[in-house]
mmCIF file of all heavy atoms, coordinates in Angstrom:
data_MODEL
# 
_entry.id   MODEL 
# 
loop_
_atom_site.group_PDB 
_atom_site.id 
_atom_site.type_symbol 
_atom_site.label_atom_id 
_atom_site.label_alt_id 
_atom_site.label_comp_id 
_atom_site.label_asym_id 
_atom_site.label_entity_id 
_atom_site.label_seq_id 
_atom_site.pdbx_PDB_ins_code 
_atom_site.Cartn_x 
_atom_site.Cartn_y 
_atom_site.Cartn_z 
_atom_site.occupancy 
_atom_site.B_iso_or_equiv 
_atom_site.pdbx_formal_charge 
_atom_site.auth_seq_id 
_atom_site.auth_comp_id 
_atom_site.auth_asym_id 
_atom_site.auth_atom_id 
_atom_site.pdbx_PDB_model_num 
ATOM 1   N N   . SER A 1 1  ? -50.319 -92.260  94.760  1.00 0.00 ? 1  SER A N   1 
ATOM 2   C CA  . SER A 1 1  ? -49.702 -92.806  95.972  1.00 0.00 ? 1  SER A CA  1 
ATOM 3   C C   . SER A 1 1  ? -48.186 -92.667  95.912  1.00 0.00 ? 1  SER A C   1 
ATOM 4   O O   . SER A 1 1  ? -47.496 -93.061  96.850  1.00 0.00 ? 1  SER A O   1 
ATOM 5   C CB  . SER A 1 1  ? -50.062 -94.294  96.116  1.00 0.00 ? 1  SER A CB  1 
ATOM 6   O OG  . SER A 1 1  ? -49.506 -95.046  95.031  1.00 0.00 ? 1  SER A OG  1 
ATOM 7   N N   . ARG A 1 2  ? -47.658 -92.115  94.812  1.00 0.00 ? 2  ARG A N   1 
ATOM 8   C CA  . ARG A 1 2  ? -46.216 -92.059  94.572  1.00 0.00 ? 2  ARG A CA  1 
ATOM 9   C C   . ARG A 1 2  ? -45.648 -90.691  94.942  1.00 0.00 ? 2  ARG A C   1 
ATOM 10  O O   . ARG A 1 2  ? -46.082 -89.657  94.414  1.00 0.00 ? 2  ARG A O   1 
ATOM 11  C CB  . ARG A 1 2  ? -45.917 -92.328  93.104  1.00 0.00 ? 2  ARG A CB  1 
ATOM 12  C CG  . ARG A 1 2  ? -46.311 -93.709  92.626  1.00 0.00 ? 2  ARG A CG  1 
ATOM 13  C CD  . ARG A 1 2  ? -45.273 -94.730  93.008  1.00 0.00 ? 2  ARG A CD  1 
ATOM 14  N NE  . ARG A 1 2  ? -45.579 -96.038  92.417  1.00 0.00 ? 2  ARG A NE  1 
ATOM 15  C CZ  . ARG A 1 2  ? -44.766 -97.072  92.460  1.00 0.00 ? 2  ARG A CZ  1 
ATOM 16  N NH1 . ARG A 1 2  ? -43.589 -96.950  93.045  1.00 0.00 ? 2  ARG A NH1 1 
ATOM 17  N NH2 . ARG A 1 2  ? -45.113 -98.235  91.932  1.00 0.00 ? 2  ARG A NH2 1 
ATOM 18  N N   . LEU A 1 3  ? -44.633 -90.694  95.806  1.00 0.00 ? 3  LEU A N   1 
ATOM 19  C CA  . LEU A 1 3  ? -44.008 -89.433  96.207  1.00 0.00 ? 3  LEU A CA  1 
ATOM 20  C C   . LEU A 1 3  ? -43.349 -88.755  95.007  1.00 0.00 ? 3  LEU A C   1 
ATOM 21  O O   . LEU A 1 3  ? -43.398 -87.532  94.877  1.00 0.00 ? 3  LEU A O   1 
ATOM 22  C CB  . LEU A 1 3  ? -42.973 -89.685  97.305  1.00 0.00 ? 3  LEU A CB  1 
ATOM 23  C CG  . LEU A 1 3  ? -42.393 -88.434  97.979  1.00 0.00 ? 3  LEU A CG  1 
ATOM 24  C CD1 . LEU A 1 3  ? -43.483 -87.654  98.696  1.00 0.00 ? 3  LEU A CD1 1 
ATOM 25  C CD2 . LEU A 1 3  ? -41.286 -88.810  98.953  1.00 0.00 ? 3  LEU A CD2 1 
ATOM 26  N N   . HIS A 1 4  ? -42.730 -89.561  94.125  1.00 0.00 ? 4  HIS A N   1 
ATOM 27  C CA  . HIS A 1 4  ? -42.050 -88.961  92.979  1.00 0.00 ? 4  HIS A CA  1 
ATOM 28  C C   . HIS A 1 4  ? -42.997 -88.700  91.810  1.00 0.00 ? 4  HIS A C   1 
ATOM 29  O O   . HIS A 1 4  ? -42.551 -88.419  90.696  1.00 0.00 ? 4  HIS A O   1 
ATOM 30  C CB  . HIS A 1 4  ? -40.857 -89.823  92.545  1.00 0.00 ? 4  HIS A CB  1 
ATOM 31  C CG  . HIS A 1 4  ? -39.683 -89.611  93.425  1.00 0.00 ? 4  HIS A CG  1 
ATOM 32  N ND1 . HIS A 1 4  ? -39.323 -90.513  94.402  1.00 0.00 ? 4  HIS A ND1 1 
ATOM 33  C CD2 . HIS A 1 4  ? -38.797 -88.584  93.509  1.00 0.00 ? 4  HIS A CD2 1 
ATOM 34  C CE1 . HIS A 1 4  ? -38.272 -90.063  95.040  1.00 0.00 ? 4  HIS A CE1 1 
ATOM 35  N NE2 . HIS A 1 4  ? -37.937 -88.899  94.536  1.00 0.00 ? 4  HIS A NE2 1 
ATOM 36  N N   . CYS A 1 5  ? -44.269 -88.755  92.081  1.00 0.00 ? 5  CYS A N   1 
ATOM 37  C CA  . CYS A 1 5  ? -45.289 -88.169  91.226  1.00 0.00 ? 5  CYS A CA  1 
ATOM 38  C C   . CYS A 1 5  ? -45.795 -86.898  91.898  1.00 0.00 ? 5  CYS A C   1 
ATOM 39  O O   . CYS A 1 5  ? -45.959 -85.868  91.245  1.00 0.00 ? 5  CYS A O   1 
ATOM 40  C CB  . CYS A 1 5  ? -46.425 -89.153  90.989  1.00 0.00 ? 5  CYS A CB  1 
ATOM 41  S SG  . CYS A 1 5  ? -47.828 -88.467  90.111  1.00 0.00 ? 5  CYS A SG  1 
ATOM 42  N N   . ALA A 1 6  ? -46.033 -86.966  93.211  1.00 0.00 ? 6  ALA A N   1 
ATOM 43  C CA  . ALA A 1 6  ? -46.580 -85.825  93.952  1.00 0.00 ? 6  ALA A CA  1 
ATOM 44  C C   . ALA A 1 6  ? -45.617 -84.637  93.969  1.00 0.00 ? 6  ALA A C   1 
ATOM 45  O O   . ALA A 1 6  ? -46.027 -83.484  93.764  1.00 0.00 ? 6  ALA A O   1 
ATOM 46  C CB  . ALA A 1 6  ? -46.918 -86.251  95.378  1.00 0.00 ? 6  ALA A CB  1 
ATOM 47  N N   . LEU A 1 7  ? -44.326 -84.890  94.233  1.00 0.00 ? 7  LEU A N   1 
ATOM 48  C CA  . LEU A 1 7  ? -43.370 -83.773  94.331  1.00 0.00 ? 7  LEU A CA  1 
ATOM 49  C C   . LEU A 1 7  ? -43.158 -83.067  92.997  1.00 0.00 ? 7  LEU A C   1 
ATOM 50  O O   . LEU A 1 7  ? -43.113 -81.830  92.956  1.00 0.00 ? 7  LEU A O   1 
ATOM 51  C CB  . LEU A 1 7  ? -42.049 -84.264  94.917  1.00 0.00 ? 7  LEU A CB  1 
ATOM 52  C CG  . LEU A 1 7  ? -42.123 -84.824  96.352  1.00 0.00 ? 7  LEU A CG  1 
ATOM 53  C CD1 . LEU A 1 7  ? -40.726 -85.150  96.875  1.00 0.00 ? 7  LEU A CD1 1 
ATOM 54  C CD2 . LEU A 1 7  ? -42.826 -83.847  97.293  1.00 0.00 ? 7  LEU A CD2 1 
ATOM 55  N N   . PRO A 1 8  ? -43.026 -83.795  91.885  1.00 0.00 ? 8  PRO A N   1 
ATOM 56  C CA  . PRO A 1 8  ? -42.987 -83.086  90.603  1.00 0.00 ? 8  PRO A CA  1 
ATOM 57  C C   . PRO A 1 8  ? -44.230 -82.236  90.344  1.00 0.00 ? 8  PRO A C   1 
ATOM 58  O O   . PRO A 1 8  ? -44.140 -81.190  89.697  1.00 0.00 ? 8  PRO A O   1 
ATOM 59  C CB  . PRO A 1 8  ? -42.877 -84.219  89.584  1.00 0.00 ? 8  PRO A CB  1 
ATOM 60  C CG  . PRO A 1 8  ? -42.130 -85.286  90.312  1.00 0.00 ? 8  PRO A CG  1 
ATOM 61  C CD  . PRO A 1 8  ? -42.680 -85.228  91.716  1.00 0.00 ? 8  PRO A CD  1 
ATOM 62  N N   . CYS A 1 9  ? -45.387 -82.676  90.856  1.00 0.00 ? 9  CYS A N   1 
ATOM 63  C CA  . CYS A 1 9  ? -46.597 -81.864  90.701  1.00 0.00 ? 9  CYS A CA  1 
ATOM 64  C C   . CYS A 1 9  ? -46.459 -80.534  91.445  1.00 0.00 ? 9  CYS A C   1 
ATOM 65  O O   . CYS A 1 9  ? -46.937 -79.497  90.973  1.00 0.00 ? 9  CYS A O   1 
ATOM 66  C CB  . CYS A 1 9  ? -47.823 -82.618  91.211  1.00 0.00 ? 9  CYS A CB  1 
ATOM 67  S SG  . CYS A 1 9  ? -48.346 -83.970  90.127  1.00 0.00 ? 9  CYS A SG  1 
ATOM 68  N N   . LEU A 1 10 ? -45.790 -80.551  92.603  1.00 0.00 ? 10 LEU A N   1 
ATOM 69  C CA  . LEU A 1 10 ? -45.526 -79.294  93.308  1.00 0.00 ? 10 LEU A CA  1 
ATOM 70  C C   . LEU A 1 10 ? -44.691 -78.377  92.437  1.00 0.00 ? 10 LEU A C   1 
ATOM 71  O O   . LEU A 1 10 ? -44.959 -77.178  92.326  1.00 0.00 ? 10 LEU A O   1 
ATOM 72  C CB  . LEU A 1 10 ? -44.800 -79.564  94.630  1.00 0.00 ? 10 LEU A CB  1 
ATOM 73  C CG  . LEU A 1 10 ? -45.571 -80.287  95.736  1.00 0.00 ? 10 LEU A CG  1 
ATOM 74  C CD1 . LEU A 1 10 ? -44.696 -80.418  96.978  1.00 0.00 ? 10 LEU A CD1 1 
ATOM 75  C CD2 . LEU A 1 10 ? -46.855 -79.543  96.090  1.00 0.00 ? 10 LEU A CD2 1 
ATOM 76  N N   . SER A 1 11 ? -43.670 -78.947  91.809  1.00 0.00 ? 11 SER A N   1 
ATOM 77  C CA  . SER A 1 11 ? -42.792 -78.124  90.967  1.00 0.00 ? 11 SER A CA  1 
ATOM 78  C C   . SER A 1 11 ? -43.541 -77.546  89.766  1.00 0.00 ? 11 SER A C   1 
ATOM 79  O O   . SER A 1 11 ? -43.152 -76.501  89.241  1.00 0.00 ? 11 SER A O   1 
ATOM 80  C CB  . SER A 1 11 ? -41.595 -78.957  90.478  1.00 0.00 ? 11 SER A CB  1 
ATOM 81  O OG  . SER A 1 11 ? -41.970 -79.863  89.461  1.00 0.00 ? 11 SER A OG  1 
ATOM 82  N N   . GLN A 1 12 ? -44.608 -78.223  89.339  1.00 0.00 ? 12 GLN A N   1 
ATOM 83  C CA  . GLN A 1 12 ? -45.392 -77.773  88.183  1.00 0.00 ? 12 GLN A CA  1 
ATOM 84  C C   . GLN A 1 12 ? -46.616 -76.961  88.581  1.00 0.00 ? 12 GLN A C   1 
ATOM 85  O O   . GLN A 1 12 ? -47.390 -76.536  87.729  1.00 0.00 ? 12 GLN A O   1 
ATOM 86  C CB  . GLN A 1 12 ? -45.838 -78.985  87.354  1.00 0.00 ? 12 GLN A CB  1 
ATOM 87  C CG  . GLN A 1 12 ? -44.713 -79.873  86.890  1.00 0.00 ? 12 GLN A CG  1 
ATOM 88  C CD  . GLN A 1 12 ? -43.658 -79.121  86.104  1.00 0.00 ? 12 GLN A CD  1 
ATOM 89  O OE1 . GLN A 1 12 ? -43.964 -78.455  85.117  1.00 0.00 ? 12 GLN A OE1 1 
ATOM 90  N NE2 . GLN A 1 12 ? -42.397 -79.212  86.542  1.00 0.00 ? 12 GLN A NE2 1 
ATOM 91  N N   . LYS A 1 13 ? -46.804 -76.782  89.894  1.00 0.00 ? 13 LYS A N   1 
ATOM 92  C CA  . LYS A 1 13 ? -47.964 -76.052  90.428  1.00 0.00 ? 13 LYS A CA  1 
ATOM 93  C C   . LYS A 1 13 ? -49.288 -76.706  90.000  1.00 0.00 ? 13 LYS A C   1 
ATOM 94  O O   . LYS A 1 13 ? -50.306 -76.036  89.780  1.00 0.00 ? 13 LYS A O   1 
ATOM 95  C CB  . LYS A 1 13 ? -47.930 -74.578  90.018  1.00 0.00 ? 13 LYS A CB  1 
ATOM 96  C CG  . LYS A 1 13 ? -46.688 -73.831  90.497  1.00 0.00 ? 13 LYS A CG  1 
ATOM 97  C CD  . LYS A 1 13 ? -46.772 -72.363  90.192  1.00 0.00 ? 13 LYS A CD  1 
ATOM 98  C CE  . LYS A 1 13 ? -45.499 -71.635  90.591  1.00 0.00 ? 13 LYS A CE  1 
ATOM 99  N NZ  . LYS A 1 13 ? -45.163 -71.769  92.020  1.00 0.00 ? 13 LYS A NZ  1 
ATOM 100 N N   . THR A 1 14 ? -49.265 -78.028  89.889  1.00 0.00 ? 14 THR A N   1 
ATOM 101 C CA  . THR A 1 14 ? -50.464 -78.795  89.566  1.00 0.00 ? 14 THR A CA  1 
ATOM 102 C C   . THR A 1 14 ? -51.098 -79.302  90.853  1.00 0.00 ? 14 THR A C   1 
ATOM 103 O O   . THR A 1 14 ? -50.415 -79.937  91.664  1.00 0.00 ? 14 THR A O   1 
ATOM 104 C CB  . THR A 1 14 ? -50.113 -80.001  88.675  1.00 0.00 ? 14 THR A CB  1 
ATOM 105 O OG1 . THR A 1 14 ? -49.532 -79.541  87.461  1.00 0.00 ? 14 THR A OG1 1 
ATOM 106 C CG2 . THR A 1 14 ? -51.354 -80.822  88.361  1.00 0.00 ? 14 THR A CG2 1 
ATOM 107 N N   . PRO A 1 15 ? -52.370 -79.036  91.094  1.00 0.00 ? 15 PRO A N   1 
ATOM 108 C CA  . PRO A 1 15 ? -53.019 -79.554  92.303  1.00 0.00 ? 15 PRO A CA  1 
ATOM 109 C C   . PRO A 1 15 ? -52.838 -81.063  92.418  1.00 0.00 ? 15 PRO A C   1 
ATOM 110 O O   . PRO A 1 15 ? -53.062 -81.797  91.451  1.00 0.00 ? 15 PRO A O   1 
ATOM 111 C CB  . PRO A 1 15 ? -54.488 -79.185  92.102  1.00 0.00 ? 15 PRO A CB  1 
ATOM 112 C CG  . PRO A 1 15 ? -54.451 -77.993  91.201  1.00 0.00 ? 15 PRO A CG  1 
ATOM 113 C CD  . PRO A 1 15 ? -53.301 -78.239  90.266  1.00 0.00 ? 15 PRO A CD  1 
ATOM 114 N N   . VAL A 1 16 ? -52.423 -81.524  93.604  1.00 0.00 ? 16 VAL A N   1 
ATOM 115 C CA  . VAL A 1 16 ? -52.133 -82.945  93.761  1.00 0.00 ? 16 VAL A CA  1 
ATOM 116 C C   . VAL A 1 16 ? -52.640 -83.443  95.103  1.00 0.00 ? 16 VAL A C   1 
ATOM 117 O O   . VAL A 1 16 ? -52.570 -82.729  96.115  1.00 0.00 ? 16 VAL A O   1 
ATOM 118 C CB  . VAL A 1 16 ? -50.617 -83.225  93.617  1.00 0.00 ? 16 VAL A CB  1 
ATOM 119 C CG1 . VAL A 1 16 ? -49.789 -82.450  94.635  1.00 0.00 ? 16 VAL A CG1 1 
ATOM 120 C CG2 . VAL A 1 16 ? -50.323 -84.711  93.681  1.00 0.00 ? 16 VAL A CG2 1 
ATOM 121 N N   . LEU A 1 17 ? -53.165 -84.653  95.098  1.00 0.00 ? 17 LEU A N   1 
ATOM 122 C CA  . LEU A 1 17 ? -53.625 -85.323  96.315  1.00 0.00 ? 17 LEU A CA  1 
ATOM 123 C C   . LEU A 1 17 ? -52.815 -86.599  96.480  1.00 0.00 ? 17 LEU A C   1 
ATOM 124 O O   . LEU A 1 17 ? -52.831 -87.479  95.608  1.00 0.00 ? 17 LEU A O   1 
ATOM 125 C CB  . LEU A 1 17 ? -55.116 -85.656  96.208  1.00 0.00 ? 17 LEU A CB  1 
ATOM 126 C CG  . LEU A 1 17 ? -55.719 -86.445  97.385  1.00 0.00 ? 17 LEU A CG  1 
ATOM 127 C CD1 . LEU A 1 17 ? -55.661 -85.634  98.675  1.00 0.00 ? 17 LEU A CD1 1 
ATOM 128 C CD2 . LEU A 1 17 ? -57.163 -86.856  97.073  1.00 0.00 ? 17 LEU A CD2 1 
ATOM 129 N N   . LEU A 1 18 ? -52.098 -86.714  97.595  1.00 0.00 ? 18 LEU A N   1 
ATOM 130 C CA  . LEU A 1 18 ? -51.316 -87.910  97.899  1.00 0.00 ? 18 LEU A CA  1 
ATOM 131 C C   . LEU A 1 18 ? -52.184 -88.874  98.698  1.00 0.00 ? 18 LEU A C   1 
ATOM 132 O O   . LEU A 1 18 ? -52.709 -88.518  99.758  1.00 0.00 ? 18 LEU A O   1 
ATOM 133 C CB  . LEU A 1 18 ? -50.069 -87.533  98.697  1.00 0.00 ? 18 LEU A CB  1 
ATOM 134 C CG  . LEU A 1 18 ? -49.135 -88.680  99.098  1.00 0.00 ? 18 LEU A CG  1 
ATOM 135 C CD1 . LEU A 1 18 ? -48.522 -89.341  97.869  1.00 0.00 ? 18 LEU A CD1 1 
ATOM 136 C CD2 . LEU A 1 18 ? -48.033 -88.180  100.033 1.00 0.00 ? 18 LEU A CD2 1 
ATOM 137 N N   . VAL A 1 19 ? -52.333 -90.090  98.205  1.00 0.00 ? 19 VAL A N   1 
ATOM 138 C CA  . VAL A 1 19 ? -53.185 -91.098  98.827  1.00 0.00 ? 19 VAL A CA  1 
ATOM 139 C C   . VAL A 1 19 ? -52.303 -92.157  99.472  1.00 0.00 ? 19 VAL A C   1 
ATOM 140 O O   . VAL A 1 19 ? -51.490 -92.801  98.802  1.00 0.00 ? 19 VAL A O   1 
ATOM 141 C CB  . VAL A 1 19 ? -54.114 -91.755  97.788  1.00 0.00 ? 19 VAL A CB  1 
ATOM 142 C CG1 . VAL A 1 19 ? -55.012 -92.785  98.469  1.00 0.00 ? 19 VAL A CG1 1 
ATOM 143 C CG2 . VAL A 1 19 ? -54.955 -90.697  97.076  1.00 0.00 ? 19 VAL A CG2 1 
ATOM 144 N N   . LEU A 1 20 ? -52.464 -92.353  100.771 1.00 0.00 ? 20 LEU A N   1 
ATOM 145 C CA  . LEU A 1 20 ? -51.623 -93.281  101.520 1.00 0.00 ? 20 LEU A CA  1 
ATOM 146 C C   . LEU A 1 20 ? -52.418 -94.476  102.043 1.00 0.00 ? 20 LEU A C   1 
ATOM 147 O O   . LEU A 1 20 ? -53.617 -94.347  102.332 1.00 0.00 ? 20 LEU A O   1 
ATOM 148 C CB  . LEU A 1 20 ? -50.993 -92.561  102.720 1.00 0.00 ? 20 LEU A CB  1 
ATOM 149 C CG  . LEU A 1 20 ? -50.173 -91.311  102.418 1.00 0.00 ? 20 LEU A CG  1 
ATOM 150 C CD1 . LEU A 1 20 ? -49.771 -90.629  103.718 1.00 0.00 ? 20 LEU A CD1 1 
ATOM 151 C CD2 . LEU A 1 20 ? -48.949 -91.668  101.600 1.00 0.00 ? 20 LEU A CD2 1 
ATOM 152 N N   . PRO A 1 21 ? -51.774 -95.625  102.181 1.00 0.00 ? 21 PRO A N   1 
ATOM 153 C CA  . PRO A 1 21 ? -52.419 -96.759  102.843 1.00 0.00 ? 21 PRO A CA  1 
ATOM 154 C C   . PRO A 1 21 ? -52.471 -96.514  104.355 1.00 0.00 ? 21 PRO A C   1 
ATOM 155 O O   . PRO A 1 21 ? -51.640 -95.779  104.899 1.00 0.00 ? 21 PRO A O   1 
ATOM 156 C CB  . PRO A 1 21 ? -51.512 -97.941  102.500 1.00 0.00 ? 21 PRO A CB  1 
ATOM 157 C CG  . PRO A 1 21 ? -50.180 -97.319  102.278 1.00 0.00 ? 21 PRO A CG  1 
ATOM 158 C CD  . PRO A 1 21 ? -50.432 -95.966  101.678 1.00 0.00 ? 21 PRO A CD  1 
ATOM 159 N N   . ARG A 1 22 ? -53.417 -97.108  104.999 1.00 0.00 ? 22 ARG A N   1 
ATOM 160 C CA  . ARG A 1 22 ? -53.615 -96.900  106.443 1.00 0.00 ? 22 ARG A CA  1 
ATOM 161 C C   . ARG A 1 22 ? -52.918 -98.000  107.255 1.00 0.00 ? 22 ARG A C   1 
ATOM 162 O O   . ARG A 1 22 ? -52.718 -99.106  106.776 1.00 0.00 ? 22 ARG A O   1 
ATOM 163 C CB  . ARG A 1 22 ? -55.105 -96.908  106.746 1.00 0.00 ? 22 ARG A CB  1 
ATOM 164 C CG  . ARG A 1 22 ? -55.482 -96.714  108.196 1.00 0.00 ? 22 ARG A CG  1 
ATOM 165 C CD  . ARG A 1 22 ? -55.473 -95.254  108.590 1.00 0.00 ? 22 ARG A CD  1 
ATOM 166 N NE  . ARG A 1 22 ? -56.628 -94.558  108.033 1.00 0.00 ? 22 ARG A NE  1 
ATOM 167 C CZ  . ARG A 1 22 ? -56.932 -93.289  108.314 1.00 0.00 ? 22 ARG A CZ  1 
ATOM 168 N NH1 . ARG A 1 22 ? -56.155 -92.587  109.130 1.00 0.00 ? 22 ARG A NH1 1 
ATOM 169 N NH2 . ARG A 1 22 ? -57.987 -92.714  107.773 1.00 0.00 ? 22 ARG A NH2 1 
ATOM 170 N N   . ASP A 1 23 ? -52.512 -97.646  108.479 1.00 0.00 ? 23 ASP A N   1 
ATOM 171 C CA  . ASP A 1 23 ? -52.067 -98.617  109.487 1.00 0.00 ? 23 ASP A CA  1 
ATOM 172 C C   . ASP A 1 23 ? -50.863 -99.442  109.049 1.00 0.00 ? 23 ASP A C   1 
ATOM 173 O O   . ASP A 1 23 ? -50.833 -100.665 109.186 1.00 0.00 ? 23 ASP A O   1 
ATOM 174 C CB  . ASP A 1 23 ? -53.221 -99.562  109.871 1.00 0.00 ? 23 ASP A CB  1 
ATOM 175 C CG  . ASP A 1 23 ? -54.406 -98.803  110.465 1.00 0.00 ? 23 ASP A CG  1 
ATOM 176 O OD1 . ASP A 1 23 ? -54.152 -97.757  111.093 1.00 0.00 ? 23 ASP A OD1 1 
ATOM 177 O OD2 . ASP A 1 23 ? -55.532 -99.254  110.301 1.00 0.00 ? 23 ASP A OD2 1 
ATOM 178 N N   . GLY A 1 24 ? -49.879 -98.765  108.481 1.00 0.00 ? 24 GLY A N   1 
ATOM 179 C CA  . GLY A 1 24 ? -48.625 -99.446  108.195 1.00 0.00 ? 24 GLY A CA  1 
ATOM 180 C C   . GLY A 1 24 ? -48.605 -100.280 106.947 1.00 0.00 ? 24 GLY A C   1 
ATOM 181 O O   . GLY A 1 24 ? -47.606 -100.937 106.660 1.00 0.00 ? 24 GLY A O   1 
ATOM 182 N N   . ARG A 1 25 ? -49.711 -100.304 106.186 1.00 0.00 ? 25 ARG A N   1 
ATOM 183 C CA  . ARG A 1 25 ? -49.669 -101.040 104.925 1.00 0.00 ? 25 ARG A CA  1 
ATOM 184 C C   . ARG A 1 25 ? -48.805 -100.278 103.930 1.00 0.00 ? 25 ARG A C   1 
ATOM 185 O O   . ARG A 1 25 ? -48.562 -99.101  104.063 1.00 0.00 ? 25 ARG A O   1 
ATOM 186 C CB  . ARG A 1 25 ? -51.084 -101.211 104.373 1.00 0.00 ? 25 ARG A CB  1 
ATOM 187 C CG  . ARG A 1 25 ? -51.924 -102.203 105.179 1.00 0.00 ? 25 ARG A CG  1 
ATOM 188 C CD  . ARG A 1 25 ? -53.316 -102.364 104.601 1.00 0.00 ? 25 ARG A CD  1 
ATOM 189 N NE  . ARG A 1 25 ? -54.118 -101.159 104.765 1.00 0.00 ? 25 ARG A NE  1 
ATOM 190 C CZ  . ARG A 1 25 ? -54.570 -100.415 103.763 1.00 0.00 ? 25 ARG A CZ  1 
ATOM 191 N NH1 . ARG A 1 25 ? -54.296 -100.740 102.521 1.00 0.00 ? 25 ARG A NH1 1 
ATOM 192 N NH2 . ARG A 1 25 ? -55.298 -99.351  103.998 1.00 0.00 ? 25 ARG A NH2 1 
ATOM 193 N N   . GLY A 1 26 ? -48.326 -100.977 102.926 1.00 0.00 ? 26 GLY A N   1 
ATOM 194 C CA  . GLY A 1 26 ? -47.465 -100.342 101.937 1.00 0.00 ? 26 GLY A CA  1 
ATOM 195 C C   . GLY A 1 26 ? -46.003 -100.632 102.226 1.00 0.00 ? 26 GLY A C   1 
ATOM 196 O O   . GLY A 1 26 ? -45.674 -101.536 102.989 1.00 0.00 ? 26 GLY A O   1 
# 
């Protein structure tokens, strides 16, 4: 759920799934 986990995964070419809360939660 962390952007600064997901974006480093892009830099490492590691498949990543970003999981978000629904309807304004978070």
